[in-house]
């Protein structure tokens, strides 16, 4: 891979790592706000939560866009360089606007800008990239993300309609668009670390992409109750409870074949991809169908268990990005070797799994003790303090791992600023 050719998309991947570091830090502060004695952080809990969600979304957007452009080699073009500047400016403004004024009126302008950047990213990749399964699935994912951004601009006559549009657009983006784009990049990485045949990999990618699209649609429909309570939505939610675990298992079974047939590649792309597929299984195969079951949904909606399901699903595309950066950086160096080492990987893996699992445990306690037994909310929070400490420890481990990853990446970054 030519260094000059990779300059623009690699800059987007580097921006994604910076945003991943920001997300990790904000997630740690948000978790710390639940701890006893965190009076100052507790007063900022809502803003910290909003900023954390924005940082997560921006890290996924820039990483997936940069990864797709890297695969397409759409790089030395002037539009691609302007695209990097556009993404960087959009990220800074989005984080500041959300942190300083969560209900800022410029959110509509930001949504339109996001949609435009996504569309330009797909166009910059070039029509030739859409002729390959990786480019096709990636383009479909980024295109659906643009549609979700446009959907948030639709006028809503009342708050209930606005909430419905927001929930559908969020599901379309987080559980359908992002997983498709991430799966495309994961299979591109599999072509580097696995010995499976190219024909099987292409067929497997298209198959799993279709299954993931169906799982994403079912996840979105299962989140509509109790906001929308109609017979077909209830039937869809019941179907999601039965189908989503099966769909997730088939996807992971395909993925396992790529991991079981490893090549001699020394990069850590396989490790990060394996973590991503594990998070996908936990999110889409376990927690999403569990919390989407209508009988449980009426109790779980808005609880920490609901948040843990969304968190695991959202961390799936986020986990692919470090693997993409690791592999691309190694290729730009012209050698097959590790760029960041195993320590940040294990810190992130254990940290994210502990944080997400702690949220799930806290959610179960919150539902049973608070909603079923009717214990006052203040007493429930006191009961949950040990679980919150464990959750904060998980985010601390994850943030430390991301920080070490970022420093190692900066120290060993390829010379993309030089002209060969």
Foldseek 3Di string as FASTA:
>chain_A
DALLLLQLLLLLLLVLLVLVLVLLVLLLLLLVLLAPPNVVSVVLNVLSVQLNVLSLLLSLLSLLLSLLLNVLSLGNDPLSNVLSVLSVVLSVVVNVCSNPPVPDPCLLVSLLSLLVSLVSSLVSSPPVLCVALLNVLLNVLSNQLSVLSVLLNDDDPDPLRNVLSPLLSVLSNLQQSSVSSLLSSLLVVLVVWFDDDPVLSRVLSVVLSVLSNLLSVLLSLLLCPPSDDDPVSLVSLLVLLVRQLVSLVSNVVSVVNSVVGTDPFAECLSVLLVLLSVLCCCQRNPQSSVCSNVVNVVLQPPALSVVLSSLSSSCNSVSNSLSSSQVVQCVLVVHRHYQQDCQLSVLQSQLSVQLSVLSNVLSVLCRCVCPVVPDDPVVSSVVSNVSSVSNSVSSVSNSVSSVSRSVSCVVSGRPSVDDD
